[in-house]
Amino acid sequence: MVVHHQVRGALKFSGKMMKCNHDVKASQVCYKDGDKVWLYNPVRKKGQSPKLQSPWEGPYTVVERLSEVTYWIRGRRKAQPKVVHVNRLWQFHGPGQYT
């Protein structure tokens, strides 16, 4: 029973340290309503080399920020809005420019 308790404590400490290390390198991104963004969607098209396909779709327009990490985006005017995680979005700078 004592060993089980020690292992639980070590796992909890290890988890906190991994989170701290991740948070140091992570960046906070905040998009405003109306911002243009690329959507990361690595769907492979049949008959084409995956190396030559771009995993980025767009541009999409941010409709609303639902929480710190989720956004509502819309492609074309009549398209249904999608709810996506901020990790799948990238600021739009122009066609074909991902940086």
PDB file of N, CA and C in Angstrom:
ATOM      1  N   MET A   1       0.819  -1.197   0.000  1.00  0.00           N
ATOM      2  CA  MET A   1       0.000   0.000   0.000  1.00  0.00           C
ATOM      3  C   MET A   1       0.865   1.264   0.000  1.00  0.00           C
ATOM      4  N   VAL A   2       1.982   1.239   0.705  1.00  0.00           N
ATOM      5  CA  VAL A   2       2.873   2.390   0.788  1.00  0.00           C
ATOM      6  C   VAL A   2       3.500   2.666  -0.577  1.00  0.00           C
ATOM      7  N   VAL A   3       3.911   1.606  -1.268  1.00  0.00           N
ATOM      8  CA  VAL A   3       4.522   1.760  -2.588  1.00  0.00           C
ATOM      9  C   VAL A   3       3.514   2.352  -3.569  1.00  0.00           C
ATOM     10  N   HIS A   4       2.283   1.890  -3.499  1.00  0.00           N
ATOM     11  CA  HIS A   4       1.224   2.412  -4.377  1.00  0.00           C
ATOM     12  C   HIS A   4       1.054   3.913  -4.156  1.00  0.00           C
ATOM     13  N   HIS A   5       1.064   4.345  -2.917  1.00  0.00           N
ATOM     14  CA  HIS A   5       0.919   5.764  -2.580  1.00  0.00           C
ATOM     15  C   HIS A   5       2.113   6.573  -3.108  1.00  0.00           C
ATOM     16  N   GLN A   6       3.322   6.024  -2.982  1.00  0.00           N
ATOM     17  CA  GLN A   6       4.523   6.699  -3.471  1.00  0.00           C
ATOM     18  C   GLN A   6       4.494   6.841  -4.994  1.00  0.00           C
ATOM     19  N   VAL A   7       4.061   5.801  -5.680  1.00  0.00           N
ATOM     20  CA  VAL A   7       3.983   5.838  -7.145  1.00  0.00           C
ATOM     21  C   VAL A   7       2.953   6.867  -7.592  1.00  0.00           C
ATOM     22  N   ARG A   8       1.816   6.921  -6.926  1.00  0.00           N
ATOM     23  CA  ARG A   8       0.794   7.929  -7.259  1.00  0.00           C
ATOM     24  C   ARG A   8       1.358   9.341  -7.122  1.00  0.00           C
ATOM     25  N   GLY A   9       2.084   9.581  -6.043  1.00  0.00           N
ATOM     26  CA  GLY A   9       2.687  10.897  -5.831  1.00  0.00           C
ATOM     27  C   GLY A   9       3.722  11.227  -6.896  1.00  0.00           C
ATOM     28  N   ALA A  10       4.542  10.237  -7.266  1.00  0.00           N
ATOM     29  CA  ALA A  10       5.558  10.453  -8.302  1.00  0.00           C
ATOM     30  C   ALA A  10       4.908  10.749  -9.652  1.00  0.00           C
ATOM     31  N   LEU A  11       3.811  10.048  -9.979  1.00  0.00           N
ATOM     32  CA  LEU A  11       3.105  10.290 -11.242  1.00  0.00           C
ATOM     33  C   LEU A  11       2.475  11.674 -11.266  1.00  0.00           C
ATOM     34  N   LYS A  12       1.915  12.103 -10.162  1.00  0.00           N
ATOM     35  CA  LYS A  12       1.307  13.433 -10.086  1.00  0.00           C
ATOM     36  C   LYS A  12       2.379  14.513 -10.281  1.00  0.00           C
ATOM     37  N   PHE A  13       3.524  14.349  -9.601  1.00  0.00           N
ATOM     38  CA  PHE A  13       4.620  15.300  -9.738  1.00  0.00           C
ATOM     39  C   PHE A  13       5.140  15.324 -11.175  1.00  0.00           C
ATOM     40  N   SER A  14       5.298  14.155 -11.766  1.00  0.00           N
ATOM     41  CA  SER A  14       5.783  14.052 -13.147  1.00  0.00           C
ATOM     42  C   SER A  14       4.827  14.751 -14.118  1.00  0.00           C
ATOM     43  N   GLY A  15       3.528  14.566 -13.916  1.00  0.00           N
ATOM     44  CA  GLY A  15       2.537  15.217 -14.768  1.00  0.00           C
ATOM     45  C   GLY A  15       2.595  16.733 -14.664  1.00  0.00           C
ATOM     46  N   LYS A  16       2.774  17.248 -13.451  1.00  0.00           N
ATOM     47  CA  LYS A  16       2.880  18.698 -13.266  1.00  0.00           C
ATOM     48  C   LYS A  16       4.121  19.259 -13.947  1.00  0.00           C
ATOM     49  N   MET A  17       5.230  18.530 -13.846  1.00  0.00           N
ATOM     50  CA  MET A  17       6.468  18.984 -14.485  1.00  0.00           C
ATOM     51  C   MET A  17       6.336  18.984 -16.016  1.00  0.00           C
ATOM     52  N   MET A  18       5.689  17.958 -16.582  1.00  0.00           N
ATOM     53  CA  MET A  18       5.497  17.909 -18.039  1.00  0.00           C
ATOM     54  C   MET A  18       4.611  19.065 -18.496  1.00  0.00           C
ATOM     55  N   LYS A  19       3.573  19.382 -17.726  1.00  0.00           N
ATOM     56  CA  LYS A  19       2.703  20.496 -18.082  1.00  0.00           C
ATOM     57  C   LYS A  19       3.458  21.823 -18.034  1.00  0.00           C
ATOM     58  N   CYS A  20       4.264  22.022 -17.002  1.00  0.00           N
ATOM     59  CA  CYS A  20       5.057  23.260 -16.890  1.00  0.00           C
ATOM     60  C   CYS A  20       6.015  23.399 -18.070  1.00  0.00           C
ATOM     61  N   ASN A  21       6.692  22.320 -18.426  1.00  0.00           N
ATOM     62  CA  ASN A  21       7.622  22.358 -19.558  1.00  0.00           C
ATOM     63  C   ASN A  21       6.904  22.644 -20.873  1.00  0.00           C
ATOM     64  N   HIS A  22       5.712  22.095 -21.040  1.00  0.00           N
ATOM     65  CA  HIS A  22       4.938  22.339 -22.263  1.00  0.00           C
ATOM     66  C   HIS A  22       4.471  23.787 -22.314  1.00  0.00           C
ATOM     67  N   ASP A  23       3.986  24.303 -21.190  1.00  0.00           N
ATOM     68  CA  ASP A  23       3.447  25.658 -21.149  1.00  0.00           C
ATOM     69  C   ASP A  23       4.512  26.718 -21.419  1.00  0.00           C
ATOM     70  N   VAL A  24       5.766  26.421 -21.097  1.00  0.00           N
ATOM     71  CA  VAL A  24       6.843  27.368 -21.360  1.00  0.00           C
ATOM     72  C   VAL A  24       7.011  27.580 -22.862  1.00  0.00           C
ATOM     73  N   LYS A  25       6.880  26.517 -23.644  1.00  0.00           N
ATOM     74  CA  LYS A  25       7.097  26.590 -25.092  1.00  0.00           C
ATOM     75  C   LYS A  25       5.832  26.939 -25.866  1.00  0.00           C
ATOM     76  N   ALA A  26       4.672  26.762 -25.253  1.00  0.00           N
ATOM     77  CA  ALA A  26       3.403  27.013 -25.941  1.00  0.00           C
ATOM     78  C   ALA A  26       3.158  28.509 -26.072  1.00  0.00           C
ATOM     79  N   SER A  27       2.532  28.897 -27.180  1.00  0.00           N
ATOM     80  CA  SER A  27       2.213  30.308 -27.383  1.00  0.00           C
ATOM     81  C   SER A  27       0.700  30.499 -27.384  1.00  0.00           C
ATOM     82  N   GLN A  28       0.269  31.600 -26.813  1.00  0.00           N
ATOM     83  CA  GLN A  28      -1.150  31.933 -26.787  1.00  0.00           C
ATOM     84  C   GLN A  28      -1.500  32.665 -28.072  1.00  0.00           C
ATOM     85  N   VAL A  29      -2.454  32.155 -28.800  1.00  0.00           N
ATOM     86  CA  VAL A  29      -2.910  32.791 -30.026  1.00  0.00           C
ATOM     87  C   VAL A  29      -4.357  33.201 -29.824  1.00  0.00           C
ATOM     88  N   CYS A  30      -4.673  34.421 -30.219  1.00  0.00           N
ATOM     89  CA  CYS A  30      -6.032  34.920 -30.064  1.00  0.00           C
ATOM     90  C   CYS A  30      -6.456  35.571 -31.376  1.00  0.00           C
ATOM     91  N   TYR A  31      -7.493  35.036 -32.004  1.00  0.00           N
ATOM     92  CA  TYR A  31      -8.022  35.606 -33.237  1.00  0.00           C
ATOM     93  C   TYR A  31      -9.282  36.388 -32.911  1.00  0.00           C
ATOM     94  N   LYS A  32      -9.480  37.482 -33.640  1.00  0.00           N
ATOM     95  CA  LYS A  32     -10.672  38.305 -33.451  1.00  0.00           C
ATOM     96  C   LYS A  32     -11.720  37.923 -34.496  1.00  0.00           C
ATOM     97  N   ASP A  33     -12.962  38.276 -34.242  1.00  0.00           N
ATOM     98  CA  ASP A  33     -14.031  38.038 -35.212  1.00  0.00           C
ATOM     99  C   ASP A  33     -13.692  38.756 -36.510  1.00  0.00           C
ATOM    100  N   GLY A  34     -13.816  38.043 -37.629  1.00  0.00           N
ATOM    101  CA  GLY A  34     -13.528  38.620 -38.937  1.00  0.00           C
ATOM    102  C   GLY A  34     -12.114  38.358 -39.422  1.00  0.00           C
ATOM    103  N   ASP A  35     -11.223  37.828 -38.566  1.00  0.00           N
ATOM    104  CA  ASP A  35      -9.865  37.502 -39.003  1.00  0.00           C
ATOM    105  C   ASP A  35      -9.890  36.359 -40.008  1.00  0.00           C
ATOM    106  N   LYS A  36      -8.977  36.409 -40.958  1.00  0.00           N
ATOM    107  CA  LYS A  36      -8.827  35.332 -41.942  1.00  0.00           C
ATOM    108  C   LYS A  36      -7.795  34.339 -41.417  1.00  0.00           C
ATOM    109  N   VAL A  37      -8.098  33.049 -41.544  1.00  0.00           N
ATOM    110  CA  VAL A  37      -7.203  32.006 -41.046  1.00  0.00           C
ATOM    111  C   VAL A  37      -7.148  30.846 -42.032  1.00  0.00           C
ATOM    112  N   TRP A  38      -6.034  30.102 -41.972  1.00  0.00           N
ATOM    113  CA  TRP A  38      -5.906  28.824 -42.668  1.00  0.00           C
ATOM    114  C   TRP A  38      -6.381  27.743 -41.714  1.00  0.00           C
ATOM    115  N   LEU A  39      -6.945  26.658 -42.244  1.00  0.00           N
ATOM    116  CA  LEU A  39      -7.366  25.513 -41.445  1.00  0.00           C
ATOM    117  C   LEU A  39      -6.495  24.323 -41.803  1.00  0.00           C
ATOM    118  N   TYR A  40      -5.867  23.705 -40.806  1.00  0.00           N
ATOM    119  CA  TYR A  40      -5.049  22.511 -41.025  1.00  0.00           C
ATOM    120  C   TYR A  40      -5.979  21.319 -41.128  1.00  0.00           C
ATOM    121  N   ASN A  41      -6.033  20.707 -42.307  1.00  0.00           N
ATOM    122  CA  ASN A  41      -6.896  19.566 -42.561  1.00  0.00           C
ATOM    123  C   ASN A  41      -6.173  18.625 -43.528  1.00  0.00           C
ATOM    124  N   PRO A  42      -5.323  17.731 -43.002  1.00  0.00           N
ATOM    125  CA  PRO A  42      -4.500  16.894 -43.877  1.00  0.00           C
ATOM    126  C   PRO A  42      -5.249  15.718 -44.493  1.00  0.00           C
ATOM    127  N   VAL A  43      -6.187  16.002 -45.377  1.00  0.00           N
ATOM    128  CA  VAL A  43      -6.936  14.967 -46.080  1.00  0.00           C
ATOM    129  C   VAL A  43      -6.178  14.624 -47.355  1.00  0.00           C
ATOM    130  N   ARG A  44      -5.926  13.350 -47.569  1.00  0.00           N
ATOM    131  CA  ARG A  44      -5.188  12.925 -48.765  1.00  0.00           C
ATOM    132  C   ARG A  44      -6.144  12.700 -49.925  1.00  0.00           C
ATOM    133  N   LYS A  45      -5.773  13.260 -51.064  1.00  0.00           N
ATOM    134  CA  LYS A  45      -6.569  13.096 -52.272  1.00  0.00           C
ATOM    135  C   LYS A  45      -6.038  11.892 -53.039  1.00  0.00           C
ATOM    136  N   LYS A  46      -6.933  11.053 -53.466  1.00  0.00           N
ATOM    137  CA  LYS A  46      -6.551   9.840 -54.178  1.00  0.00           C
ATOM    138  C   LYS A  46      -5.920  10.192 -55.520  1.00  0.00           C
ATOM    139  N   GLY A  47      -4.831   9.515 -55.835  1.00  0.00           N
ATOM    140  CA  GLY A  47      -4.174   9.715 -57.120  1.00  0.00           C
ATOM    141  C   GLY A  47      -3.111  10.795 -57.113  1.00  0.00           C
ATOM    142  N   GLN A  48      -2.920  11.477 -55.973  1.00  0.00           N
ATOM    143  CA  GLN A  48      -1.902  12.518 -55.868  1.00  0.00           C
ATOM    144  C   GLN A  48      -0.917  12.155 -54.754  1.00  0.00           C
ATOM    145  N   SER A  49       0.319  12.543 -54.950  1.00  0.00           N
ATOM    146  CA  SER A  49       1.341  12.284 -53.944  1.00  0.00           C
ATOM    147  C   SER A  49       1.058  13.120 -52.695  1.00  0.00           C
ATOM    148  N   PRO A  50       1.082  12.486 -51.504  1.00  0.00           N
ATOM    149  CA  PRO A  50       0.847  13.244 -50.265  1.00  0.00           C
ATOM    150  C   PRO A  50       1.879  14.350 -50.047  1.00  0.00           C
ATOM    151  N   LYS A  51       3.088  14.176 -50.546  1.00  0.00           N
ATOM    152  CA  LYS A  51       4.128  15.191 -50.374  1.00  0.00           C
ATOM    153  C   LYS A  51       3.804  16.469 -51.134  1.00  0.00           C
ATOM    154  N   LEU A  52       3.045  16.355 -52.208  1.00  0.00           N
ATOM    155  CA  LEU A  52       2.740  17.515 -53.026  1.00  0.00           C
ATOM    156  C   LEU A  52       1.419  18.185 -52.660  1.00  0.00           C
ATOM    157  N   GLN A  53       0.701  17.618 -51.713  1.00  0.00           N
ATOM    158  CA  GLN A  53      -0.579  18.184 -51.305  1.00  0.00           C
ATOM    159  C   GLN A  53      -0.390  19.107 -50.105  1.00  0.00           C
ATOM    160  N   SER A  54      -1.083  20.207 -50.100  1.00  0.00           N
ATOM    161  CA  SER A  54      -1.028  21.127 -48.973  1.00  0.00           C
ATOM    162  C   SER A  54      -2.068  20.707 -47.937  1.00  0.00           C
ATOM    163  N   PRO A  55      -1.670  20.596 -46.672  1.00  0.00           N
ATOM    164  CA  PRO A  55      -2.642  20.241 -45.638  1.00  0.00           C
ATOM    165  C   PRO A  55      -3.468  21.436 -45.174  1.00  0.00           C
ATOM    166  N   TRP A  56      -3.193  22.622 -45.701  1.00  0.00           N
ATOM    167  CA  TRP A  56      -3.886  23.837 -45.267  1.00  0.00           C
ATOM    168  C   TRP A  56      -5.008  24.185 -46.227  1.00  0.00           C
ATOM    169  N   GLU A  57      -6.178  24.480 -45.685  1.00  0.00           N
ATOM    170  CA  GLU A  57      -7.349  24.884 -46.469  1.00  0.00           C
ATOM    171  C   GLU A  57      -7.706  26.320 -46.101  1.00  0.00           C
ATOM    172  N   GLY A  58      -8.325  26.989 -47.047  1.00  0.00           N
ATOM    173  CA  GLY A  58      -8.795  28.318 -46.680  1.00  0.00           C
ATOM    174  C   GLY A  58      -8.710  29.300 -47.818  1.00  0.00           C
ATOM    175  N   PRO A  59      -8.917  30.528 -47.509  1.00  0.00           N
ATOM    176  CA  PRO A  59      -9.020  31.091 -46.166  1.00  0.00           C
ATOM    177  C   PRO A  59     -10.416  30.935 -45.573  1.00  0.00           C
ATOM    178  N   TYR A  60     -10.442  30.830 -44.274  1.00  0.00           N
ATOM    179  CA  TYR A  60     -11.679  30.811 -43.512  1.00  0.00           C
ATOM    180  C   TYR A  60     -11.764  32.116 -42.726  1.00  0.00           C
ATOM    181  N   THR A  61     -12.966  32.483 -42.336  1.00  0.00           N
ATOM    182  CA  THR A  61     -13.183  33.687 -41.545  1.00  0.00           C
ATOM    183  C   THR A  61     -13.631  33.284 -40.152  1.00  0.00           C
ATOM    184  N   VAL A  62     -13.016  33.867 -39.136  1.00  0.00           N
ATOM    185  CA  VAL A  62     -13.422  33.594 -37.758  1.00  0.00           C
ATOM    186  C   VAL A  62     -14.764  34.272 -37.523  1.00  0.00           C
ATOM    187  N   VAL A  63     -15.751  33.469 -37.140  1.00  0.00           N
ATOM    188  CA  VAL A  63     -17.089  33.990 -36.867  1.00  0.00           C
ATOM    189  C   VAL A  63     -17.204  34.389 -35.399  1.00  0.00           C
ATOM    190  N   GLU A  64     -16.714  33.501 -34.516  1.00  0.00           N
ATOM    191  CA  GLU A  64     -16.862  33.765 -33.089  1.00  0.00           C
ATOM    192  C   GLU A  64     -15.839  32.948 -32.304  1.00  0.00           C
ATOM    193  N   ARG A  65     -15.373  33.506 -31.199  1.00  0.00           N
ATOM    194  CA  ARG A  65     -14.492  32.784 -30.286  1.00  0.00           C
ATOM    195  C   ARG A  65     -15.374  32.164 -29.212  1.00  0.00           C
ATOM    196  N   LEU A  66     -15.429  30.830 -29.187  1.00  0.00           N
ATOM    197  CA  LEU A  66     -16.299  30.137 -28.243  1.00  0.00           C
ATOM    198  C   LEU A  66     -15.653  29.969 -26.871  1.00  0.00           C
ATOM    199  N   SER A  67     -14.352  29.730 -26.852  1.00  0.00           N
ATOM    200  CA  SER A  67     -13.603  29.628 -25.594  1.00  0.00           C
ATOM    201  C   SER A  67     -12.158  30.001 -25.890  1.00  0.00           C
ATOM    202  N   GLU A  68     -11.265  29.782 -24.944  1.00  0.00           N
ATOM    203  CA  GLU A  68      -9.865  30.123 -25.163  1.00  0.00           C
ATOM    204  C   GLU A  68      -9.244  29.295 -26.279  1.00  0.00           C
ATOM    205  N   VAL A  69      -9.750  28.088 -26.497  1.00  0.00           N
ATOM    206  CA  VAL A  69      -9.124  27.192 -27.468  1.00  0.00           C
ATOM    207  C   VAL A  69     -10.035  26.759 -28.614  1.00  0.00           C
ATOM    208  N   THR A  70     -11.276  27.186 -28.648  1.00  0.00           N
ATOM    209  CA  THR A  70     -12.173  26.803 -29.743  1.00  0.00           C
ATOM    210  C   THR A  70     -12.735  28.029 -30.451  1.00  0.00           C
ATOM    211  N   TYR A  71     -12.828  27.906 -31.770  1.00  0.00           N
ATOM    212  CA  TYR A  71     -13.332  28.989 -32.612  1.00  0.00           C
ATOM    213  C   TYR A  71     -14.367  28.446 -33.569  1.00  0.00           C
ATOM    214  N   TRP A  72     -15.274  29.322 -33.931  1.00  0.00           N
ATOM    215  CA  TRP A  72     -16.252  29.047 -34.972  1.00  0.00           C
ATOM    216  C   TRP A  72     -15.726  29.711 -36.225  1.00  0.00           C
ATOM    217  N   ILE A  73     -15.531  28.954 -37.314  1.00  0.00           N
ATOM    218  CA  ILE A  73     -15.031  29.528 -38.561  1.00  0.00           C
ATOM    219  C   ILE A  73     -15.976  29.189 -39.700  1.00  0.00           C
ATOM    220  N   ARG A  74     -15.923  30.008 -40.756  1.00  0.00           N
ATOM    221  CA  ARG A  74     -16.780  29.793 -41.919  1.00  0.00           C
ATOM    222  C   ARG A  74     -15.952  29.993 -43.175  1.00  0.00           C
ATOM    223  N   GLY A  75     -16.136  29.094 -44.143  1.00  0.00           N
ATOM    224  CA  GLY A  75     -15.409  29.179 -45.407  1.00  0.00           C
ATOM    225  C   GLY A  75     -16.047  30.155 -46.362  1.00  0.00           C
ATOM    226  N   ARG A  76     -17.077  29.702 -47.020  1.00  0.00           N
ATOM    227  CA  ARG A  76     -17.813  30.575 -47.940  1.00  0.00           C
ATOM    228  C   ARG A  76     -19.077  31.068 -47.254  1.00  0.00           C
ATOM    229  N   ARG A  77     -19.764  32.001 -47.873  1.00  0.00           N
ATOM    230  CA  ARG A  77     -20.950  32.608 -47.235  1.00  0.00           C
ATOM    231  C   ARG A  77     -22.023  31.576 -46.888  1.00  0.00           C
ATOM    232  N   LYS A  78     -22.288  30.657 -47.791  1.00  0.00           N
ATOM    233  CA  LYS A  78     -23.377  29.696 -47.579  1.00  0.00           C
ATOM    234  C   LYS A  78     -22.919  28.446 -46.822  1.00  0.00           C
ATOM    235  N   ALA A  79     -21.627  28.302 -46.607  1.00  0.00           N
ATOM    236  CA  ALA A  79     -21.110  27.103 -45.943  1.00  0.00           C
ATOM    237  C   ALA A  79     -21.468  27.104 -44.461  1.00  0.00           C
ATOM    238  N   GLN A  80     -21.640  25.898 -43.930  1.00  0.00           N
ATOM    239  CA  GLN A  80     -21.922  25.762 -42.509  1.00  0.00           C
ATOM    240  C   GLN A  80     -20.668  26.109 -41.710  1.00  0.00           C
ATOM    241  N   PRO A  81     -20.800  26.853 -40.616  1.00  0.00           N
ATOM    242  CA  PRO A  81     -19.639  27.141 -39.777  1.00  0.00           C
ATOM    243  C   PRO A  81     -19.119  25.869 -39.107  1.00  0.00           C
ATOM    244  N   LYS A  82     -17.814  25.827 -38.870  1.00  0.00           N
ATOM    245  CA  LYS A  82     -17.191  24.688 -38.206  1.00  0.00           C
ATOM    246  C   LYS A  82     -16.636  25.142 -36.866  1.00  0.00           C
ATOM    247  N   VAL A  83     -16.678  24.256 -35.889  1.00  0.00           N
ATOM    248  CA  VAL A  83     -16.040  24.504 -34.600  1.00  0.00           C
ATOM    249  C   VAL A  83     -14.707  23.778 -34.630  1.00  0.00           C
ATOM    250  N   VAL A  84     -13.607  24.524 -34.457  1.00  0.00           N
ATOM    251  CA  VAL A  84     -12.275  23.925 -34.528  1.00  0.00           C
ATOM    252  C   VAL A  84     -11.415  24.389 -33.359  1.00  0.00           C
ATOM    253  N   HIS A  85     -10.414  23.586 -33.053  1.00  0.00           N
ATOM    254  CA  HIS A  85      -9.454  23.917 -31.998  1.00  0.00           C
ATOM    255  C   HIS A  85      -8.431  24.896 -32.551  1.00  0.00           C
ATOM    256  N   VAL A  86      -7.927  25.777 -31.703  1.00  0.00           N
ATOM    257  CA  VAL A  86      -6.988  26.806 -32.124  1.00  0.00           C
ATOM    258  C   VAL A  86      -5.699  26.208 -32.696  1.00  0.00           C
ATOM    259  N   ASN A  87      -5.339  24.996 -32.288  1.00  0.00           N
ATOM    260  CA  ASN A  87      -4.129  24.355 -32.808  1.00  0.00           C
ATOM    261  C   ASN A  87      -4.225  24.052 -34.301  1.00  0.00           C
ATOM    262  N   ARG A  88      -5.427  24.018 -34.853  1.00  0.00           N
ATOM    263  CA  ARG A  88      -5.602  23.729 -36.279  1.00  0.00           C
ATOM    264  C   ARG A  88      -5.714  25.000 -37.120  1.00  0.00           C
ATOM    265  N   LEU A  89      -5.520  26.171 -36.512  1.00  0.00           N
ATOM    266  CA  LEU A  89      -5.647  27.437 -37.227  1.00  0.00           C
ATOM    267  C   LEU A  89      -4.301  28.128 -37.351  1.00  0.00           C
ATOM    268  N   TRP A  90      -4.148  28.896 -38.442  1.00  0.00           N
ATOM    269  CA  TRP A  90      -2.947  29.685 -38.670  1.00  0.00           C
ATOM    270  C   TRP A  90      -3.355  30.991 -39.323  1.00  0.00           C
ATOM    271  N   GLN A  91      -2.746  32.078 -38.933  1.00  0.00           N
ATOM    272  CA  GLN A  91      -3.092  33.403 -39.464  1.00  0.00           C
ATOM    273  C   GLN A  91      -2.918  33.437 -40.985  1.00  0.00           C
ATOM    274  N   PHE A  92      -3.895  33.981 -41.690  1.00  0.00           N
ATOM    275  CA  PHE A  92      -3.867  34.100 -43.147  1.00  0.00           C
ATOM    276  C   PHE A  92      -3.115  35.366 -43.529  1.00  0.00           C
ATOM    277  N   HIS A  93      -2.069  35.223 -44.366  1.00  0.00           N
ATOM    278  CA  HIS A  93      -1.281  36.368 -44.819  1.00  0.00           C
ATOM    279  C   HIS A  93      -1.406  36.582 -46.319  1.00  0.00           C
ATOM    280  N   GLY A  94      -2.096  35.685 -46.984  1.00  0.00           N
ATOM    281  CA  GLY A  94      -2.241  35.775 -48.430  1.00  0.00           C
ATOM    282  C   GLY A  94      -2.233  34.357 -49.004  1.00  0.00           C
ATOM    283  N   PRO A  95      -2.664  34.194 -50.252  1.00  0.00           N
ATOM    284  CA  PRO A  95      -2.717  32.861 -50.834  1.00  0.00           C
ATOM    285  C   PRO A  95      -1.335  32.224 -50.934  1.00  0.00           C
ATOM    286  N   GLY A  96      -1.213  31.011 -50.403  1.00  0.00           N
ATOM    287  CA  GLY A  96       0.029  30.267 -50.480  1.00  0.00           C
ATOM    288  C   GLY A  96       1.093  30.677 -49.502  1.00  0.00           C
ATOM    289  N   GLN A  97       0.782  31.607 -48.586  1.00  0.00           N
ATOM    290  CA  GLN A  97       1.775  32.061 -47.604  1.00  0.00           C
ATOM    291  C   GLN A  97       1.341  31.585 -46.226  1.00  0.00           C
ATOM    292  N   TYR A  98       2.094  30.645 -45.661  1.00  0.00           N
ATOM    293  CA  TYR A  98       1.710  30.032 -44.393  1.00  0.00           C
ATOM    294  C   TYR A  98       2.504  30.560 -43.209  1.00  0.00           C
ATOM    295  N   THR A  99       3.427  31.529 -43.431  1.00  0.00           N
ATOM    296  CA  THR A  99       4.226  32.019 -42.313  1.00  0.00           C
ATOM    297  C   THR A  99       3.882  33.458 -42.012  1.00  0.00           C
TER     298      THR A  99
END
